Amino acid sequence: MSGKILIVEDEQILAEVLRDYLRQAGFDPFCIEDGCDAAPWVRENKPALVLLDLMLPGRDGLDVCKEIRSFSGVPVIMVTARIEEIDRLLGLELGADDYICKPFSPREVVARVKAVLRRTGSGESLKAAGLVFDESRYTATVDGIDLGLTAVEFTLLLYLASNPGRIYSRRQLMDRIYPDERIVSDRTIDTHIKNLRKKMAAAVAHQADFIQSLYGIGYKFEPNYSGD
């Protein structure tokens, strides 16, 4: 596994440790300290993944993530010492694909990076209900319109669409998109579904209806659903 990894971290020693571990794992890491420099670097260099600290000089990580999402679907892992659930959910709502809390092991970070990138590498495509999935590019389109999904959103939608009509509990979906068995809230899945439906509706209104919620049970993808 290889590719450019952008590390946006103002703690120099920590950034250098992450850089060294990622380099040993075969990646090509770059470090940036100021939040104001991150999005322009991503736009120009097109990294495979961004490790983005929440608390940064110049501009905080949530603002940086929001700007990156306005032009790129590059996977973003938020790094934070603020462990309150609202911060995690807010990061996910703005398009983060994963989060990791300080303090952490550098080996854990490398494992998380590899896990996120593995979701992007199968190189297959699938068509379902007018949606076209390109797993080599990690994009989903409808009528030629790119939905602009994050890596987690793509994985979640592809999983649901690959098994139309099948009902999945939140736990099953969490196990699918977070295979490392971390503890995440049920609300995390709800947030991803909310973002998916919003993006699908923005492209073609009826597309959002394809993801149905079953109260107290979970979600399913129903391509023949025509609404109430």
Protein backbone atom coordinates (compact mmCIF):
# COMPACT_ATOMS: atom_id res chain seq x y z
CA MET A 1 0.00 0.00 0.00
CA SER A 2 1.37 3.44 -0.95
CA GLY A 3 0.39 7.02 -1.77
CA LYS A 4 0.73 10.55 -0.46
CA ILE A 5 -0.53 11.10 3.08
CA LEU A 6 -0.98 14.65 4.35
CA ILE A 7 -0.44 15.06 8.10
CA VAL A 8 -1.95 18.31 9.40
CA GLU A 9 -0.60 18.54 12.95
CA ASP A 10 0.94 21.46 14.85
CA GLU A 11 2.72 19.30 17.46
CA GLN A 12 6.01 18.89 15.62
CA ILE A 13 7.27 15.85 17.52
CA LEU A 14 4.00 14.00 17.03
CA ALA A 15 3.88 14.93 13.34
CA GLU A 16 7.42 13.64 12.85
CA VAL A 17 6.63 10.36 14.61
CA LEU A 18 3.56 9.82 12.42
CA ARG A 19 5.58 10.72 9.33
CA ASP A 20 8.28 8.18 10.20
CA TYR A 21 5.78 5.38 10.90
CA LEU A 22 3.84 6.06 7.71
CA ARG A 23 7.05 6.19 5.69
CA GLN A 24 8.11 2.81 7.12
CA ALA A 25 4.70 1.46 6.07
CA GLY A 26 5.41 2.46 2.46
CA PHE A 27 3.55 5.76 2.29
CA ASP A 28 4.80 9.16 1.14
CA PRO A 29 3.90 11.46 4.07
CA PHE A 30 3.95 15.26 4.14
CA CYS A 31 3.51 17.48 7.20
CA ILE A 32 1.71 20.83 7.52
CA GLU A 33 1.36 22.76 10.78
CA ASP A 34 -1.07 25.57 9.93
CA GLY A 35 -4.71 24.85 9.15
CA CYS A 36 -4.81 27.63 6.57
CA ASP A 37 -2.32 25.75 4.38
CA ALA A 38 -4.08 22.38 4.35
CA ALA A 39 -6.89 22.74 1.80
CA PRO A 40 -4.71 24.49 -0.83
CA TRP A 41 -2.13 21.69 -0.46
CA VAL A 42 -4.81 19.03 -0.93
CA ARG A 43 -6.16 20.82 -4.01
CA GLU A 44 -2.71 21.00 -5.60
CA ASN A 45 -1.23 17.64 -4.59
CA LYS A 46 -4.27 15.28 -4.45
CA PRO A 47 -3.15 13.02 -1.57
CA ALA A 48 -4.52 9.53 -0.99
CA LEU A 49 -5.61 10.46 2.56
CA VAL A 50 -5.48 13.33 5.06
CA LEU A 51 -4.72 13.00 8.78
CA LEU A 52 -6.29 16.15 10.16
CA ASP A 53 -5.88 17.42 13.72
CA LEU A 54 -8.90 19.18 15.19
CA MET A 55 -7.08 21.95 17.06
CA LEU A 56 -4.80 23.84 14.69
CA PRO A 57 -3.33 27.33 14.44
CA GLY A 58 -4.80 29.55 11.76
CA ARG A 59 -7.91 27.45 11.14
CA ASP A 60 -9.45 24.55 13.05
CA GLY A 61 -9.76 21.07 11.61
CA LEU A 62 -13.54 21.12 11.19
CA ASP A 63 -13.37 24.22 8.97
CA VAL A 64 -10.51 22.66 7.01
CA CYS A 65 -12.47 19.44 6.54
CA LYS A 66 -15.52 21.36 5.35
CA GLU A 67 -13.46 23.22 2.74
CA ILE A 68 -11.74 20.03 1.53
CA ARG A 69 -15.16 18.40 1.11
CA SER A 70 -16.26 21.28 -1.13
CA PHE A 71 -13.89 20.08 -3.86
CA SER A 72 -12.52 16.63 -2.96
CA GLY A 73 -13.66 13.21 -1.74
CA VAL A 74 -10.21 12.35 -0.39
CA PRO A 75 -10.51 10.23 2.80
CA VAL A 76 -10.07 12.32 5.96
CA ILE A 77 -9.24 10.94 9.40
CA MET A 78 -9.81 13.48 12.18
CA VAL A 79 -7.32 13.44 15.05
CA THR A 80 -8.58 14.96 18.28
CA ALA A 81 -8.06 15.16 22.02
CA ARG A 82 -11.71 16.25 22.43
CA ILE A 83 -13.55 12.98 22.92
CA GLU A 84 -17.08 14.29 23.41
CA GLU A 85 -19.50 12.55 21.06
CA ILE A 86 -20.78 15.83 19.61
CA ASP A 87 -17.31 16.62 18.28
CA ARG A 88 -17.08 13.19 16.66
CA LEU A 89 -20.51 13.49 15.06
CA LEU A 90 -19.87 17.05 13.90
CA GLY A 91 -16.67 15.88 12.23
CA LEU A 92 -18.55 13.10 10.48
CA GLU A 93 -21.31 15.46 9.36
CA LEU A 94 -18.72 17.71 7.74
CA GLY A 95 -17.35 14.77 5.78
CA ALA A 96 -14.71 13.08 7.92
CA ASP A 97 -14.38 9.35 7.22
CA ASP A 98 -12.97 8.32 10.57
CA TYR A 99 -11.60 9.74 13.80
CA ILE A 100 -8.91 8.79 16.27
CA CYS A 101 -8.52 10.18 19.78
CA LYS A 102 -5.32 11.28 21.48
CA PRO A 103 -3.35 9.74 23.06
CA PHE A 104 -2.87 6.99 20.52
CA SER A 105 -0.29 4.53 19.27
CA PRO A 106 1.36 5.48 15.95
CA ARG A 107 0.84 1.87 14.90
CA GLU A 108 -2.89 2.31 15.46
CA VAL A 109 -2.86 5.36 13.19
CA VAL A 110 -1.10 3.41 10.45
CA ALA A 111 -3.65 0.61 10.84
CA ARG A 112 -6.53 3.08 10.56
CA VAL A 113 -4.99 4.66 7.46
CA LYS A 114 -4.65 1.26 5.81
CA ALA A 115 -8.21 0.29 6.78
CA VAL A 116 -9.68 3.43 5.21
CA LEU A 117 -7.59 3.07 2.06
CA ARG A 118 -8.56 -0.60 1.69
CA ARG A 119 -12.14 0.57 1.24
CA THR A 120 -11.06 2.45 -1.88
CA GLY A 121 -9.03 -0.21 -3.67
CA SER A 122 -11.17 -3.01 -5.12
CA GLY A 123 -11.31 -1.50 -8.63
CA GLU A 124 -14.79 -2.88 -9.34
CA SER A 125 -17.98 -1.15 -10.48
CA LEU A 126 -21.65 -1.77 -9.81
CA LYS A 127 -24.91 -0.39 -11.14
CA ALA A 128 -28.05 -0.30 -9.01
CA ALA A 129 -31.28 1.69 -9.46
CA GLY A 130 -29.61 4.25 -11.71
CA LEU A 131 -26.62 4.57 -9.39
CA VAL A 132 -23.20 3.75 -10.83
CA PHE A 133 -20.43 2.86 -8.39
CA ASP A 134 -16.79 3.03 -9.43
CA GLU A 135 -14.74 1.42 -6.69
CA SER A 136 -11.41 2.19 -8.37
CA ARG A 137 -12.18 5.90 -8.12
CA TYR A 138 -14.40 5.60 -5.09
CA THR A 139 -17.22 7.55 -6.72
CA ALA A 140 -20.96 7.06 -7.04
CA THR A 141 -22.92 8.84 -9.76
CA VAL A 142 -26.54 9.11 -10.81
CA ASP A 143 -27.37 10.30 -14.32
CA GLY A 144 -23.71 11.27 -14.61
CA ILE A 145 -23.84 13.47 -11.49
CA ASP A 146 -21.14 12.72 -8.93
CA LEU A 147 -22.68 12.44 -5.46
CA GLY A 148 -19.46 13.61 -3.80
CA LEU A 149 -19.44 10.88 -1.17
CA THR A 150 -16.86 10.41 1.53
CA ALA A 151 -15.14 7.03 1.79
CA VAL A 152 -17.44 5.88 4.61
CA GLU A 153 -20.56 7.11 2.80
CA PHE A 154 -19.47 5.30 -0.36
CA THR A 155 -18.85 2.06 1.53
CA LEU A 156 -22.19 2.30 3.30
CA LEU A 157 -24.22 3.06 0.16
CA LEU A 158 -22.44 0.38 -1.87
CA TYR A 159 -23.10 -2.20 0.85
CA LEU A 160 -26.81 -1.37 1.01
CA ALA A 161 -27.21 -1.19 -2.79
CA SER A 162 -25.38 -4.49 -3.29
CA ASN A 163 -28.09 -6.22 -1.26
CA PRO A 164 -31.37 -4.49 -2.21
CA GLY A 165 -34.32 -5.22 0.02
CA ARG A 166 -32.21 -6.70 2.79
CA ILE A 167 -32.64 -5.06 6.18
CA TYR A 168 -29.49 -4.25 8.14
CA SER A 169 -29.34 -3.27 11.77
CA ARG A 170 -27.19 -0.33 12.79
CA ARG A 171 -24.77 -2.76 14.41
CA GLN A 172 -24.38 -4.73 11.17
CA LEU A 173 -23.69 -1.54 9.26
CA MET A 174 -21.22 -0.33 11.87
CA ASP A 175 -19.39 -3.65 11.72
CA ARG A 176 -19.17 -3.28 7.95
CA ILE A 177 -17.79 0.25 7.79
CA TYR A 178 -15.73 0.01 10.99
CA PRO A 179 -14.21 -3.50 10.78
CA ASP A 180 -11.67 -2.78 13.50
CA GLU A 181 -14.48 -3.21 16.06
CA ARG A 182 -14.12 0.21 17.70
CA ILE A 183 -16.97 1.46 19.86
CA VAL A 184 -19.15 3.97 18.01
CA SER A 185 -22.61 5.29 18.73
CA ASP A 186 -25.71 4.19 16.81
CA ARG A 187 -26.12 7.86 16.00
CA THR A 188 -22.98 7.68 13.87
CA ILE A 189 -24.79 5.47 11.35
CA ASP A 190 -27.82 7.77 11.47
CA THR A 191 -25.57 10.70 10.65
CA HIS A 192 -24.05 8.91 7.66
CA ILE A 193 -27.50 7.92 6.38
CA LYS A 194 -28.75 11.48 6.79
CA ASN A 195 -25.80 12.80 4.77
CA LEU A 196 -26.27 10.14 2.09
CA ARG A 197 -29.96 10.93 1.62
CA LYS A 198 -29.21 14.65 1.45
CA LYS A 199 -26.58 14.17 -1.25
CA MET A 200 -28.75 11.78 -3.23
CA ALA A 201 -31.74 14.12 -3.06
CA ALA A 202 -29.59 17.02 -4.26
CA ALA A 203 -28.71 15.02 -7.37
CA VAL A 204 -32.11 13.49 -8.15
CA ALA A 205 -34.98 14.03 -5.71
CA HIS A 206 -36.43 10.51 -5.69
CA GLN A 207 -33.04 8.89 -5.06
CA ALA A 208 -33.19 9.70 -1.36
CA ASP A 209 -36.26 7.48 -1.05
CA PHE A 210 -34.19 4.42 -1.93
CA ILE A 211 -32.70 4.31 1.57
CA GLN A 212 -35.53 3.43 3.92
CA SER A 213 -35.42 3.45 7.68
CA LEU A 214 -37.32 0.88 9.72
CA TYR A 215 -38.00 2.24 13.16
CA GLY A 216 -36.16 0.32 15.85
CA ILE A 217 -34.65 -2.08 13.31
CA GLY A 218 -32.29 -0.42 10.84
CA TYR A 219 -32.06 0.46 7.15
CA LYS A 220 -32.50 -1.08 3.71
CA PHE A 221 -31.98 -0.10 0.08
CA GLU A 222 -35.20 -0.46 -1.91
CA PRO A 223 -34.73 0.49 -5.60
CA ASN A 224 -38.41 0.04 -6.47
CA TYR A 225 -39.68 2.31 -3.71
CA SER A 226 -41.76 5.23 -5.04
CA GLY A 227 -42.52 7.07 -1.82
CA ASP A 228 -45.70 7.41 0.20
